Amino acid sequence: MATDLTPENEKFIAEQVAQGTYESREDALDAGVELLRKHNQLVDRLTESRRQLDAGEYTDYDDESLTARFDELKRRVGSQEGE
């Protein structure tokens, strides 16, 4: 499969392979694609988060209620670890 990259990107990939960061050009390209996938997933999550905020689908916490929430989560985790 042909992959046309800019000379700058080809040079960068060659340097990464030469330094041993990646075993091959293909490994470096696969890593780049994986990062692009993660980036897109993050953008999707942020878009959904913005939608939820705009729709009022969130809970406001003050210091006291936030502390209570954390305590509740700690208890849940503690009880799951004991199982």
N, C-alpha and C. Protein backbone atom coordinates (compact mmCIF):
# COMPACT_ATOMS: atom_id res chain seq x y z
N MET A 1 0.84 -1.18 0.00
CA MET A 1 0.00 0.00 0.00
C MET A 1 0.88 1.24 0.00
N ALA A 2 0.61 2.14 -0.90
CA ALA A 2 1.40 3.37 -1.00
C ALA A 2 0.91 4.39 0.02
N THR A 3 1.85 5.06 0.65
CA THR A 3 1.52 6.15 1.56
C THR A 3 2.38 7.34 1.19
N ASP A 4 1.74 8.37 0.67
CA ASP A 4 2.45 9.57 0.29
C ASP A 4 2.45 10.54 1.46
N LEU A 5 3.64 10.84 1.94
CA LEU A 5 3.80 11.77 3.04
C LEU A 5 4.68 12.92 2.58
N THR A 6 4.59 14.02 3.29
CA THR A 6 5.47 15.14 2.97
C THR A 6 6.90 14.72 3.27
N PRO A 7 7.85 15.35 2.62
CA PRO A 7 9.26 15.03 2.92
C PRO A 7 9.60 15.22 4.39
N GLU A 8 9.01 16.23 5.02
CA GLU A 8 9.28 16.47 6.44
C GLU A 8 8.78 15.31 7.30
N ASN A 9 7.59 14.79 6.97
CA ASN A 9 7.05 13.67 7.73
C ASN A 9 7.83 12.39 7.47
N GLU A 10 8.23 12.18 6.23
CA GLU A 10 9.07 11.00 5.91
C GLU A 10 10.37 11.06 6.69
N LYS A 11 10.98 12.24 6.76
CA LYS A 11 12.23 12.41 7.50
C LYS A 11 12.01 12.12 8.98
N PHE A 12 10.94 12.64 9.53
CA PHE A 12 10.64 12.42 10.94
C PHE A 12 10.47 10.93 11.24
N ILE A 13 9.72 10.25 10.40
CA ILE A 13 9.51 8.81 10.60
C ILE A 13 10.84 8.07 10.49
N ALA A 14 11.65 8.42 9.51
CA ALA A 14 12.95 7.76 9.36
C ALA A 14 13.81 7.98 10.60
N GLU A 15 13.77 9.18 11.16
CA GLU A 15 14.54 9.47 12.38
C GLU A 15 14.03 8.64 13.55
N GLN A 16 12.71 8.51 13.67
CA GLN A 16 12.13 7.72 14.76
C GLN A 16 12.53 6.25 14.65
N VAL A 17 12.53 5.74 13.45
CA VAL A 17 12.95 4.35 13.24
C VAL A 17 14.44 4.20 13.53
N ALA A 18 15.24 5.15 13.06
CA ALA A 18 16.69 5.09 13.29
C ALA A 18 17.03 5.16 14.77
N GLN A 19 16.24 5.93 15.53
CA GLN A 19 16.48 6.05 16.98
C GLN A 19 15.96 4.84 17.75
N GLY A 20 15.22 3.98 17.07
CA GLY A 20 14.69 2.79 17.73
C GLY A 20 13.35 3.02 18.41
N THR A 21 12.77 4.18 18.20
CA THR A 21 11.45 4.45 18.79
C THR A 21 10.42 3.50 18.21
N TYR A 22 10.54 3.24 16.93
CA TYR A 22 9.67 2.29 16.23
C TYR A 22 10.55 1.32 15.46
N GLU A 23 10.08 0.09 15.30
CA GLU A 23 10.86 -0.93 14.62
C GLU A 23 10.86 -0.74 13.11
N SER A 24 9.79 -0.13 12.60
CA SER A 24 9.68 0.03 11.16
C SER A 24 8.84 1.25 10.83
N ARG A 25 8.88 1.63 9.59
CA ARG A 25 8.06 2.74 9.09
C ARG A 25 6.59 2.42 9.32
N GLU A 26 6.20 1.19 9.06
CA GLU A 26 4.81 0.77 9.24
C GLU A 26 4.38 0.92 10.69
N ASP A 27 5.26 0.54 11.63
CA ASP A 27 4.94 0.68 13.05
C ASP A 27 4.72 2.15 13.41
N ALA A 28 5.56 3.02 12.87
CA ALA A 28 5.42 4.45 13.14
C ALA A 28 4.11 4.98 12.57
N LEU A 29 3.78 4.57 11.36
CA LEU A 29 2.52 5.01 10.75
C LEU A 29 1.32 4.47 11.53
N ASP A 30 1.40 3.21 11.97
CA ASP A 30 0.32 2.63 12.77
C ASP A 30 0.14 3.43 14.07
N ALA A 31 1.24 3.82 14.69
CA ALA A 31 1.16 4.61 15.93
C ALA A 31 0.51 5.97 15.65
N GLY A 32 0.85 6.56 14.52
CA GLY A 32 0.24 7.84 14.16
C GLY A 32 -1.26 7.71 13.93
N VAL A 33 -1.66 6.65 13.27
CA VAL A 33 -3.09 6.43 13.02
C VAL A 33 -3.81 6.17 14.34
N GLU A 34 -3.19 5.42 15.24
CA GLU A 34 -3.80 5.17 16.55
C GLU A 34 -3.98 6.47 17.32
N LEU A 35 -3.00 7.36 17.26
CA LEU A 35 -3.14 8.66 17.92
C LEU A 35 -4.26 9.48 17.29
N LEU A 36 -4.40 9.40 15.99
CA LEU A 36 -5.49 10.10 15.31
C LEU A 36 -6.84 9.55 15.75
N ARG A 37 -6.93 8.24 15.89
CA ARG A 37 -8.17 7.63 16.39
C ARG A 37 -8.50 8.13 17.79
N LYS A 38 -7.50 8.14 18.67
CA LYS A 38 -7.71 8.61 20.04
C LYS A 38 -8.11 10.08 20.05
N HIS A 39 -7.48 10.86 19.20
CA HIS A 39 -7.82 12.27 19.08
C HIS A 39 -9.29 12.43 18.68
N ASN A 40 -9.71 11.68 17.69
CA ASN A 40 -11.10 11.77 17.23
C ASN A 40 -12.07 11.32 18.31
N GLN A 41 -11.71 10.28 19.06
CA GLN A 41 -12.57 9.84 20.17
C GLN A 41 -12.68 10.92 21.23
N LEU A 42 -11.58 11.59 21.52
CA LEU A 42 -11.59 12.67 22.50
C LEU A 42 -12.46 13.83 22.02
N VAL A 43 -12.33 14.18 20.76
CA VAL A 43 -13.17 15.26 20.20
C VAL A 43 -14.64 14.87 20.30
N ASP A 44 -14.95 13.61 19.99
CA ASP A 44 -16.34 13.15 20.11
C ASP A 44 -16.84 13.25 21.55
N ARG A 45 -16.00 12.86 22.50
CA ARG A 45 -16.39 12.94 23.91
C ARG A 45 -16.59 14.38 24.34
N LEU A 46 -15.72 15.27 23.89
CA LEU A 46 -15.85 16.69 24.23
C LEU A 46 -17.10 17.29 23.60
N THR A 47 -17.40 16.88 22.38
CA THR A 47 -18.62 17.36 21.71
C THR A 47 -19.85 16.92 22.48
N GLU A 48 -19.87 15.65 22.91
CA GLU A 48 -21.00 15.14 23.70
C GLU A 48 -21.07 15.85 25.04
N SER A 49 -19.95 16.11 25.66
CA SER A 49 -19.93 16.82 26.94
C SER A 49 -20.49 18.23 26.78
N ARG A 50 -20.11 18.89 25.71
CA ARG A 50 -20.63 20.24 25.45
C ARG A 50 -22.14 20.18 25.25
N ARG A 51 -22.62 19.16 24.53
CA ARG A 51 -24.05 19.01 24.31
C ARG A 51 -24.78 18.83 25.64
N GLN A 52 -24.20 17.99 26.52
CA GLN A 52 -24.81 17.76 27.82
C GLN A 52 -24.85 19.04 28.65
N LEU A 53 -23.76 19.79 28.64
CA LEU A 53 -23.74 21.06 29.36
C LEU A 53 -24.79 22.01 28.83
N ASP A 54 -24.85 22.14 27.52
CA ASP A 54 -25.82 23.04 26.90
C ASP A 54 -27.26 22.64 27.20
N ALA A 55 -27.49 21.31 27.35
CA ALA A 55 -28.83 20.81 27.63
C ALA A 55 -29.14 20.79 29.13
N GLY A 56 -28.17 21.20 29.94
CA GLY A 56 -28.39 21.21 31.38
C GLY A 56 -28.29 19.85 32.03
N GLU A 57 -27.65 18.92 31.37
CA GLU A 57 -27.51 17.56 31.89
C GLU A 57 -26.22 17.43 32.71
N TYR A 58 -26.21 18.07 33.85
CA TYR A 58 -25.04 18.00 34.73
C TYR A 58 -25.49 18.29 36.15
N THR A 59 -24.61 18.05 37.10
CA THR A 59 -24.90 18.31 38.51
C THR A 59 -23.90 19.32 39.03
N ASP A 60 -24.42 20.36 39.66
CA ASP A 60 -23.56 21.34 40.31
C ASP A 60 -23.19 20.84 41.70
N TYR A 61 -21.94 20.99 42.08
CA TYR A 61 -21.48 20.60 43.40
C TYR A 61 -20.86 21.80 44.08
N ASP A 62 -21.12 21.94 45.38
CA ASP A 62 -20.37 22.88 46.20
C ASP A 62 -19.32 22.05 46.94
N ASP A 63 -18.51 22.70 47.77
CA ASP A 63 -17.44 21.97 48.46
C ASP A 63 -17.98 20.81 49.30
N GLU A 64 -19.06 21.06 50.01
CA GLU A 64 -19.62 20.03 50.90
C GLU A 64 -20.18 18.85 50.11
N SER A 65 -20.97 19.14 49.08
CA SER A 65 -21.57 18.04 48.31
C SER A 65 -20.52 17.29 47.50
N LEU A 66 -19.47 17.99 47.05
CA LEU A 66 -18.40 17.32 46.32
C LEU A 66 -17.63 16.38 47.24
N THR A 67 -17.36 16.83 48.45
CA THR A 67 -16.68 15.97 49.43
C THR A 67 -17.52 14.74 49.71
N ALA A 68 -18.83 14.93 49.88
CA ALA A 68 -19.73 13.80 50.13
C ALA A 68 -19.71 12.84 48.94
N ARG A 69 -19.69 13.36 47.73
CA ARG A 69 -19.66 12.52 46.52
C ARG A 69 -18.38 11.69 46.48
N PHE A 70 -17.23 12.33 46.75
CA PHE A 70 -15.96 11.61 46.77
C PHE A 70 -15.96 10.52 47.85
N ASP A 71 -16.50 10.84 49.01
CA ASP A 71 -16.57 9.85 50.09
C ASP A 71 -17.41 8.65 49.66
N GLU A 72 -18.53 8.93 48.99
CA GLU A 72 -19.38 7.85 48.50
C GLU A 72 -18.62 6.97 47.49
N LEU A 73 -17.90 7.60 46.57
CA LEU A 73 -17.13 6.84 45.58
C LEU A 73 -16.03 6.02 46.24
N LYS A 74 -15.38 6.59 47.24
CA LYS A 74 -14.33 5.85 47.96
C LYS A 74 -14.93 4.62 48.64
N ARG A 75 -16.11 4.78 49.24
CA ARG A 75 -16.76 3.64 49.89
C ARG A 75 -17.09 2.56 48.87
N ARG A 76 -17.59 2.96 47.71
CA ARG A 76 -17.91 1.99 46.66
C ARG A 76 -16.68 1.21 46.23
N VAL A 77 -15.59 1.94 46.00
CA VAL A 77 -14.35 1.29 45.57
C VAL A 77 -13.85 0.36 46.68
N GLY A 78 -13.90 0.82 47.90
CA GLY A 78 -13.46 0.01 49.03
C GLY A 78 -14.27 -1.25 49.17
N SER A 79 -15.57 -1.17 48.96
CA SER A 79 -16.41 -2.35 49.09
C SER A 79 -16.19 -3.32 47.94
N GLN A 80 -15.86 -2.81 46.76
CA GLN A 80 -15.57 -3.67 45.62
C GLN A 80 -14.24 -4.37 45.75
N GLU A 81 -13.28 -3.70 46.38
CA GLU A 81 -11.96 -4.32 46.58
C GLU A 81 -12.03 -5.45 47.59
N GLY A 82 -12.97 -5.37 48.53
CA GLY A 82 -13.11 -6.40 49.54
C GLY A 82 -13.85 -7.64 49.07
N GLU A 83 -14.41 -7.57 47.88
CA GLU A 83 -15.19 -8.71 47.37
C GLU A 83 -14.32 -9.85 46.93
